[in-house]
Amino acid sequence: MRKFVPMKKALFFIVLSLFAFTDAFSQCAMCKSVVESNIEGGSSIGAGINDGILYLMVMPYIALAIVALVWSKYNKRQKA
């Protein structure tokens, strides 16, 4: 039971940080709506912004996959 304490602490801080940064996640919808209205108006200012939003949206999932991979390797080492 003592071996899992660092993993529990890490999981606690990850969950805590997800709740702490909720305002940052809400900005993507606002940016996307502004860019779409600019594109409909004929402006080409935000043509590449939608790709940037998608790029930023994928990063948390990649980080979560890396954490899951490290966690699974850590657990395999502890069982061996």
PDB file of N, CA and C in Angstrom:
ATOM      1  N   MET A   1       0.819  -1.185   0.000  1.00  0.00           N
ATOM      2  CA  MET A   1       0.000   0.000   0.000  1.00  0.00           C
ATOM      3  C   MET A   1       0.871   1.260   0.000  1.00  0.00           C
ATOM      4  N   ARG A   2       2.014   1.195   0.634  1.00  0.00           N
ATOM      5  CA  ARG A   2       2.901   2.355   0.727  1.00  0.00           C
ATOM      6  C   ARG A   2       3.483   2.735  -0.634  1.00  0.00           C
ATOM      7  N   LYS A   3       3.612   1.776  -1.553  1.00  0.00           N
ATOM      8  CA  LYS A   3       4.222   2.037  -2.854  1.00  0.00           C
ATOM      9  C   LYS A   3       3.349   2.924  -3.734  1.00  0.00           C
ATOM     10  N   PHE A   4       2.040   2.950  -3.512  1.00  0.00           N
ATOM     11  CA  PHE A   4       1.138   3.685  -4.377  1.00  0.00           C
ATOM     12  C   PHE A   4       0.884   5.116  -3.915  1.00  0.00           C
ATOM     13  N   VAL A   5       1.481   5.531  -2.816  1.00  0.00           N
ATOM     14  CA  VAL A   5       1.260   6.873  -2.289  1.00  0.00           C
ATOM     15  C   VAL A   5       1.723   7.949  -3.282  1.00  0.00           C
ATOM     16  N   PRO A   6       2.913   7.842  -3.915  1.00  0.00           N
ATOM     17  CA  PRO A   6       3.296   8.874  -4.885  1.00  0.00           C
ATOM     18  C   PRO A   6       2.335   8.939  -6.077  1.00  0.00           C
ATOM     19  N   MET A   7       1.816   7.810  -6.512  1.00  0.00           N
ATOM     20  CA  MET A   7       0.884   7.813  -7.633  1.00  0.00           C
ATOM     21  C   MET A   7      -0.439   8.454  -7.229  1.00  0.00           C
ATOM     22  N   LYS A   8      -0.874   8.236  -6.001  1.00  0.00           N
ATOM     23  CA  LYS A   8      -2.106   8.865  -5.536  1.00  0.00           C
ATOM     24  C   LYS A   8      -1.938  10.370  -5.437  1.00  0.00           C
ATOM     25  N   LYS A   9      -0.774  10.811  -4.985  1.00  0.00           N
ATOM     26  CA  LYS A   9      -0.510  12.246  -4.908  1.00  0.00           C
ATOM     27  C   LYS A   9      -0.478  12.862  -6.300  1.00  0.00           C
ATOM     28  N   ALA A  10       0.150  12.176  -7.237  1.00  0.00           N
ATOM     29  CA  ALA A  10       0.224  12.684  -8.605  1.00  0.00           C
ATOM     30  C   ALA A  10      -1.170  12.749  -9.222  1.00  0.00           C
ATOM     31  N   LEU A  11      -1.968  11.726  -9.014  1.00  0.00           N
ATOM     32  CA  LEU A  11      -3.332  11.713  -9.539  1.00  0.00           C
ATOM     33  C   LEU A  11      -4.153  12.834  -8.919  1.00  0.00           C
ATOM     34  N   PHE A  12      -3.971  13.080  -7.627  1.00  0.00           N
ATOM     35  CA  PHE A  12      -4.684  14.162  -6.958  1.00  0.00           C
ATOM     36  C   PHE A  12      -4.331  15.512  -7.574  1.00  0.00           C
ATOM     37  N   PHE A  13      -3.057  15.761  -7.830  1.00  0.00           N
ATOM     38  CA  PHE A  13      -2.646  17.036  -8.404  1.00  0.00           C
ATOM     39  C   PHE A  13      -3.100  17.182  -9.849  1.00  0.00           C
ATOM     40  N   ILE A  14      -3.159  16.094 -10.590  1.00  0.00           N
ATOM     41  CA  ILE A  14      -3.661  16.158 -11.970  1.00  0.00           C
ATOM     42  C   ILE A  14      -5.137  16.529 -11.976  1.00  0.00           C
ATOM     43  N   VAL A  15      -5.913  15.865 -11.129  1.00  0.00           N
ATOM     44  CA  VAL A  15      -7.348  16.174 -11.060  1.00  0.00           C
ATOM     45  C   VAL A  15      -7.564  17.596 -10.561  1.00  0.00           C
ATOM     46  N   LEU A  16      -6.795  18.004  -9.580  1.00  0.00           N
ATOM     47  CA  LEU A  16      -6.914  19.360  -9.057  1.00  0.00           C
ATOM     48  C   LEU A  16      -6.591  20.399 -10.133  1.00  0.00           C
ATOM     49  N   SER A  17      -5.565  20.147 -10.929  1.00  0.00           N
ATOM     50  CA  SER A  17      -5.206  21.099 -11.974  1.00  0.00           C
ATOM     51  C   SER A  17      -6.259  21.156 -13.071  1.00  0.00           C
ATOM     52  N   LEU A  18      -6.945  20.046 -13.331  1.00  0.00           N
ATOM     53  CA  LEU A  18      -8.016  20.075 -14.326  1.00  0.00           C
ATOM     54  C   LEU A  18      -9.150  20.982 -13.878  1.00  0.00           C
ATOM     55  N   PHE A  19      -9.477  20.962 -12.597  1.00  0.00           N
ATOM     56  CA  PHE A  19     -10.535  21.823 -12.100  1.00  0.00           C
ATOM     57  C   PHE A  19     -10.070  23.270 -11.944  1.00  0.00           C
ATOM     58  N   ALA A  20      -8.800  23.487 -11.767  1.00  0.00           N
ATOM     59  CA  ALA A  20      -8.281  24.839 -11.574  1.00  0.00           C
ATOM     60  C   ALA A  20      -8.233  25.635 -12.873  1.00  0.00           C
ATOM     61  N   PHE A  21      -8.133  24.959 -14.004  1.00  0.00           N
ATOM     62  CA  PHE A  21      -7.974  25.644 -15.278  1.00  0.00           C
ATOM     63  C   PHE A  21      -9.217  25.569 -16.153  1.00  0.00           C
ATOM     64  N   THR A  22     -10.395  25.565 -15.566  1.00  0.00           N
ATOM     65  CA  THR A  22     -11.620  25.485 -16.360  1.00  0.00           C
ATOM     66  C   THR A  22     -11.845  26.735 -17.193  1.00  0.00           C
ATOM     67  N   ASP A  23     -11.403  27.891 -16.726  1.00  0.00           N
ATOM     68  CA  ASP A  23     -11.572  29.114 -17.501  1.00  0.00           C
ATOM     69  C   ASP A  23     -10.749  29.078 -18.776  1.00  0.00           C
ATOM     70  N   ALA A  24      -9.606  28.445 -18.743  1.00  0.00           N
ATOM     71  CA  ALA A  24      -8.765  28.364 -19.935  1.00  0.00           C
ATOM     72  C   ALA A  24      -9.406  27.505 -21.017  1.00  0.00           C
ATOM     73  N   PHE A  25     -10.142  26.455 -20.629  1.00  0.00           N
ATOM     74  CA  PHE A  25     -10.789  25.608 -21.617  1.00  0.00           C
ATOM     75  C   PHE A  25     -11.943  26.335 -22.304  1.00  0.00           C
ATOM     76  N   SER A  26     -12.567  27.284 -21.655  1.00  0.00           N
ATOM     77  CA  SER A  26     -13.722  27.959 -22.237  1.00  0.00           C
ATOM     78  C   SER A  26     -13.322  28.968 -23.308  1.00  0.00           C
ATOM     79  N   GLN A  27     -12.073  29.318 -23.405  1.00  0.00           N
ATOM     80  CA  GLN A  27     -11.653  30.310 -24.386  1.00  0.00           C
ATOM     81  C   GLN A  27     -11.703  29.790 -25.816  1.00  0.00           C
ATOM     82  N   CYS A  28     -11.542  28.503 -26.021  1.00  0.00           N
ATOM     83  CA  CYS A  28     -11.520  27.967 -27.381  1.00  0.00           C
ATOM     84  C   CYS A  28     -12.829  28.208 -28.118  1.00  0.00           C
ATOM     85  N   ALA A  29     -13.951  28.061 -27.449  1.00  0.00           N
ATOM     86  CA  ALA A  29     -15.244  28.279 -28.079  1.00  0.00           C
ATOM     87  C   ALA A  29     -15.399  29.739 -28.487  1.00  0.00           C
ATOM     88  N   MET A  30     -14.911  30.636 -27.647  1.00  0.00           N
ATOM     89  CA  MET A  30     -14.996  32.055 -27.974  1.00  0.00           C
ATOM     90  C   MET A  30     -14.111  32.387 -29.168  1.00  0.00           C
ATOM     91  N   CYS A  31     -12.892  31.860 -29.187  1.00  0.00           N
ATOM     92  CA  CYS A  31     -11.987  32.123 -30.299  1.00  0.00           C
ATOM     93  C   CYS A  31     -12.559  31.590 -31.608  1.00  0.00           C
ATOM     94  N   LYS A  32     -13.113  30.393 -31.545  1.00  0.00           N
ATOM     95  CA  LYS A  32     -13.646  29.779 -32.747  1.00  0.00           C
ATOM     96  C   LYS A  32     -14.818  30.586 -33.295  1.00  0.00           C
ATOM     97  N   SER A  33     -15.701  31.062 -32.440  1.00  0.00           N
ATOM     98  CA  SER A  33     -16.847  31.834 -32.922  1.00  0.00           C
ATOM     99  C   SER A  33     -16.402  33.159 -33.536  1.00  0.00           C
ATOM    100  N   VAL A  34     -15.383  33.797 -32.950  1.00  0.00           N
ATOM    101  CA  VAL A  34     -14.874  35.058 -33.517  1.00  0.00           C
ATOM    102  C   VAL A  34     -14.235  34.811 -34.873  1.00  0.00           C
ATOM    103  N   VAL A  35     -13.468  33.751 -34.989  1.00  0.00           N
ATOM    104  CA  VAL A  35     -12.807  33.436 -36.255  1.00  0.00           C
ATOM    105  C   VAL A  35     -13.839  33.100 -37.320  1.00  0.00           C
ATOM    106  N   GLU A  36     -14.853  32.318 -36.977  1.00  0.00           N
ATOM    107  CA  GLU A  36     -15.877  31.961 -37.959  1.00  0.00           C
ATOM    108  C   GLU A  36     -16.651  33.187 -38.427  1.00  0.00           C
ATOM    109  N   SER A  37     -16.920  34.114 -37.514  1.00  0.00           N
ATOM    110  CA  SER A  37     -17.621  35.333 -37.932  1.00  0.00           C
ATOM    111  C   SER A  37     -16.728  36.196 -38.820  1.00  0.00           C
ATOM    112  N   ASN A  38     -15.417  36.202 -38.555  1.00  0.00           N
ATOM    113  CA  ASN A  38     -14.501  36.958 -39.425  1.00  0.00           C
ATOM    114  C   ASN A  38     -14.414  36.333 -40.809  1.00  0.00           C
ATOM    115  N   ILE A  39     -14.414  35.003 -40.877  1.00  0.00           N
ATOM    116  CA  ILE A  39     -14.324  34.332 -42.169  1.00  0.00           C
ATOM    117  C   ILE A  39     -15.595  34.567 -42.971  1.00  0.00           C
ATOM    118  N   GLU A  40     -16.763  34.526 -42.318  1.00  0.00           N
ATOM    119  CA  GLU A  40     -18.025  34.790 -43.007  1.00  0.00           C
ATOM    120  C   GLU A  40     -18.093  36.229 -43.490  1.00  0.00           C
ATOM    121  N   GLY A  41     -17.445  37.134 -42.783  1.00  0.00           N
ATOM    122  CA  GLY A  41     -17.425  38.539 -43.174  1.00  0.00           C
ATOM    123  C   GLY A  41     -16.453  38.832 -44.306  1.00  0.00           C
ATOM    124  N   GLY A  42     -15.687  37.849 -44.736  1.00  0.00           N
ATOM    125  CA  GLY A  42     -14.757  38.038 -45.837  1.00  0.00           C
ATOM    126  C   GLY A  42     -13.325  38.283 -45.410  1.00  0.00           C
ATOM    127  N   SER A  43     -13.064  38.320 -44.142  1.00  0.00           N
ATOM    128  CA  SER A  43     -11.712  38.554 -43.650  1.00  0.00           C
ATOM    129  C   SER A  43     -10.919  37.245 -43.653  1.00  0.00           C
ATOM    130  N   SER A  44      -9.645  37.338 -43.990  1.00  0.00           N
ATOM    131  CA  SER A  44      -8.793  36.145 -44.007  1.00  0.00           C
ATOM    132  C   SER A  44      -7.819  36.133 -42.822  1.00  0.00           C
ATOM    133  N   ILE A  45      -8.106  36.938 -41.810  1.00  0.00           N
ATOM    134  CA  ILE A  45      -7.209  37.053 -40.657  1.00  0.00           C
ATOM    135  C   ILE A  45      -7.103  35.733 -39.898  1.00  0.00           C
ATOM    136  N   GLY A  46      -8.230  35.088 -39.669  1.00  0.00           N
ATOM    137  CA  GLY A  46      -8.211  33.901 -38.831  1.00  0.00           C
ATOM    138  C   GLY A  46      -8.337  32.601 -39.593  1.00  0.00           C
ATOM    139  N   ALA A  47      -7.843  32.532 -40.803  1.00  0.00           N
ATOM    140  CA  ALA A  47      -7.992  31.313 -41.601  1.00  0.00           C
ATOM    141  C   ALA A  47      -7.255  30.126 -40.978  1.00  0.00           C
ATOM    142  N   GLY A  48      -6.098  30.351 -40.372  1.00  0.00           N
ATOM    143  CA  GLY A  48      -5.336  29.254 -39.795  1.00  0.00           C
ATOM    144  C   GLY A  48      -5.586  29.037 -38.308  1.00  0.00           C
ATOM    145  N   ILE A  49      -6.431  29.870 -37.713  1.00  0.00           N
ATOM    146  CA  ILE A  49      -6.674  29.770 -36.279  1.00  0.00           C
ATOM    147  C   ILE A  49      -7.413  28.482 -35.928  1.00  0.00           C
ATOM    148  N   ASN A  50      -8.325  28.019 -36.772  1.00  0.00           N
ATOM    149  CA  ASN A  50      -9.077  26.804 -36.463  1.00  0.00           C
ATOM    150  C   ASN A  50      -8.144  25.605 -36.323  1.00  0.00           C
ATOM    151  N   ASP A  51      -7.112  25.528 -37.151  1.00  0.00           N
ATOM    152  CA  ASP A  51      -6.140  24.442 -37.006  1.00  0.00           C
ATOM    153  C   ASP A  51      -5.374  24.563 -35.692  1.00  0.00           C
ATOM    154  N   GLY A  52      -5.059  25.779 -35.289  1.00  0.00           N
ATOM    155  CA  GLY A  52      -4.382  26.001 -34.016  1.00  0.00           C
ATOM    156  C   GLY A  52      -5.243  25.592 -32.831  1.00  0.00           C
ATOM    157  N   ILE A  53      -6.543  25.857 -32.926  1.00  0.00           N
ATOM    158  CA  ILE A  53      -7.462  25.465 -31.862  1.00  0.00           C
ATOM    159  C   ILE A  53      -7.515  23.949 -31.751  1.00  0.00           C
ATOM    160  N   LEU A  54      -7.581  23.266 -32.887  1.00  0.00           N
ATOM    161  CA  LEU A  54      -7.595  21.803 -32.861  1.00  0.00           C
ATOM    162  C   LEU A  54      -6.289  21.259 -32.286  1.00  0.00           C
ATOM    163  N   TYR A  55      -5.175  21.885 -32.628  1.00  0.00           N
ATOM    164  CA  TYR A  55      -3.877  21.475 -32.088  1.00  0.00           C
ATOM    165  C   TYR A  55      -3.860  21.611 -30.572  1.00  0.00           C
ATOM    166  N   LEU A  56      -4.347  22.728 -30.059  1.00  0.00           N
ATOM    167  CA  LEU A  56      -4.375  22.942 -28.618  1.00  0.00           C
ATOM    168  C   LEU A  56      -5.360  22.007 -27.921  1.00  0.00           C
ATOM    169  N   MET A  57      -6.417  21.629 -28.619  1.00  0.00           N
ATOM    170  CA  MET A  57      -7.411  20.743 -28.026  1.00  0.00           C
ATOM    171  C   MET A  57      -6.871  19.322 -27.866  1.00  0.00           C
ATOM    172  N   VAL A  58      -5.945  18.905 -28.725  1.00  0.00           N
ATOM    173  CA  VAL A  58      -5.410  17.541 -28.705  1.00  0.00           C
ATOM    174  C   VAL A  58      -4.345  17.372 -27.627  1.00  0.00           C
ATOM    175  N   MET A  59      -3.670  18.430 -27.237  1.00  0.00           N
ATOM    176  CA  MET A  59      -2.553  18.334 -26.294  1.00  0.00           C
ATOM    177  C   MET A  59      -2.920  17.699 -24.946  1.00  0.00           C
ATOM    178  N   PRO A  60      -4.038  18.025 -24.314  1.00  0.00           N
ATOM    179  CA  PRO A  60      -4.349  17.351 -23.043  1.00  0.00           C
ATOM    180  C   PRO A  60      -4.535  15.845 -23.202  1.00  0.00           C
ATOM    181  N   TYR A  61      -5.092  15.419 -24.328  1.00  0.00           N
ATOM    182  CA  TYR A  61      -5.275  13.985 -24.547  1.00  0.00           C
ATOM    183  C   TYR A  61      -3.937  13.275 -24.730  1.00  0.00           C
ATOM    184  N   ILE A  62      -3.010  13.923 -25.390  1.00  0.00           N
ATOM    185  CA  ILE A  62      -1.674  13.348 -25.551  1.00  0.00           C
ATOM    186  C   ILE A  62      -0.978  13.257 -24.188  1.00  0.00           C
ATOM    187  N   ALA A  63      -1.111  14.301 -23.384  1.00  0.00           N
ATOM    188  CA  ALA A  63      -0.513  14.289 -22.053  1.00  0.00           C
ATOM    189  C   ALA A  63      -1.120  13.180 -21.193  1.00  0.00           C
ATOM    190  N   LEU A  64      -2.423  12.999 -21.292  1.00  0.00           N
ATOM    191  CA  LEU A  64      -3.081  11.933 -20.543  1.00  0.00           C
ATOM    192  C   LEU A  64      -2.607  10.564 -21.005  1.00  0.00           C
ATOM    193  N   ALA A  65      -2.409  10.390 -22.304  1.00  0.00           N
ATOM    194  CA  ALA A  65      -1.907   9.113 -22.818  1.00  0.00           C
ATOM    195  C   ALA A  65      -0.498   8.834 -22.315  1.00  0.00           C
ATOM    196  N   ILE A  66       0.336   9.862 -22.238  1.00  0.00           N
ATOM    197  CA  ILE A  66       1.701   9.684 -21.737  1.00  0.00           C
ATOM    198  C   ILE A  66       1.676   9.298 -20.257  1.00  0.00           C
ATOM    199  N   VAL A  67       0.821   9.963 -19.479  1.00  0.00           N
ATOM    200  CA  VAL A  67       0.711   9.625 -18.056  1.00  0.00           C
ATOM    201  C   VAL A  67       0.232   8.188 -17.891  1.00  0.00           C
ATOM    202  N   ALA A  68      -0.739   7.763 -18.689  1.00  0.00           N
ATOM    203  CA  ALA A  68      -1.238   6.391 -18.598  1.00  0.00           C
ATOM    204  C   ALA A  68      -0.152   5.385 -18.971  1.00  0.00           C
ATOM    205  N   LEU A  69       0.650   5.702 -19.983  1.00  0.00           N
ATOM    206  CA  LEU A  69       1.733   4.819 -20.393  1.00  0.00           C
ATOM    207  C   LEU A  69       2.787   4.685 -19.297  1.00  0.00           C
ATOM    208  N   VAL A  70       3.180   5.809 -18.717  1.00  0.00           N
ATOM    209  CA  VAL A  70       4.175   5.786 -17.636  1.00  0.00           C
ATOM    210  C   VAL A  70       3.626   5.042 -16.429  1.00  0.00           C
ATOM    211  N   TRP A  71       2.370   5.256 -16.119  1.00  0.00           N
ATOM    212  CA  TRP A  71       1.747   4.592 -14.990  1.00  0.00           C
ATOM    213  C   TRP A  71       1.703   3.075 -15.196  1.00  0.00           C
ATOM    214  N   SER A  72       1.351   2.653 -16.409  1.00  0.00           N
ATOM    215  CA  SER A  72       1.294   1.211 -16.661  1.00  0.00           C
ATOM    216  C   SER A  72       2.687   0.581 -16.592  1.00  0.00           C
ATOM    217  N   LYS A  73       3.702   1.255 -17.099  1.00  0.00           N
ATOM    218  CA  LYS A  73       5.069   0.729 -17.006  1.00  0.00           C
ATOM    219  C   LYS A  73       5.538   0.685 -15.549  1.00  0.00           C
ATOM    220  N   TYR A  74       5.163   1.686 -14.767  1.00  0.00           N
ATOM    221  CA  TYR A  74       5.514   1.706 -13.352  1.00  0.00           C
ATOM    222  C   TYR A  74       4.873   0.525 -12.626  1.00  0.00           C
ATOM    223  N   ASN A  75       3.613   0.262 -12.928  1.00  0.00           N
ATOM    224  CA  ASN A  75       2.919  -0.858 -12.283  1.00  0.00           C
ATOM    225  C   ASN A  75       3.494  -2.196 -12.700  1.00  0.00           C
ATOM    226  N   LYS A  76       3.924  -2.335 -13.948  1.00  0.00           N
ATOM    227  CA  LYS A  76       4.535  -3.587 -14.397  1.00  0.00           C
ATOM    228  C   LYS A  76       5.854  -3.841 -13.675  1.00  0.00           C
ATOM    229  N   ARG A  77       6.627  -2.792 -13.451  1.00  0.00           N
ATOM    230  CA  ARG A  77       7.902  -2.937 -12.740  1.00  0.00           C
ATOM    231  C   ARG A  77       7.680  -3.329 -11.291  1.00  0.00           C
ATOM    232  N   GLN A  78       6.639  -2.783 -10.668  1.00  0.00           N
ATOM    233  CA  GLN A  78       6.367  -3.091  -9.271  1.00  0.00           C
ATOM    234  C   GLN A  78       5.892  -4.518  -9.093  1.00  0.00           C
ATOM    235  N   LYS A  79       5.183  -5.060 -10.073  1.00  0.00           N
ATOM    236  CA  LYS A  79       4.691  -6.435  -9.984  1.00  0.00           C
ATOM    237  C   LYS A  79       5.786  -7.456 -10.274  1.00  0.00           C
ATOM    238  N   ALA A  80       6.788  -7.058 -11.063  1.00  0.00           N
ATOM    239  CA  ALA A  80       7.862  -8.004 -11.443  1.00  0.00           C
ATOM    240  C   ALA A  80       8.859  -8.224 -10.351  1.00  0.00           C
TER     241      ALA A  80
END
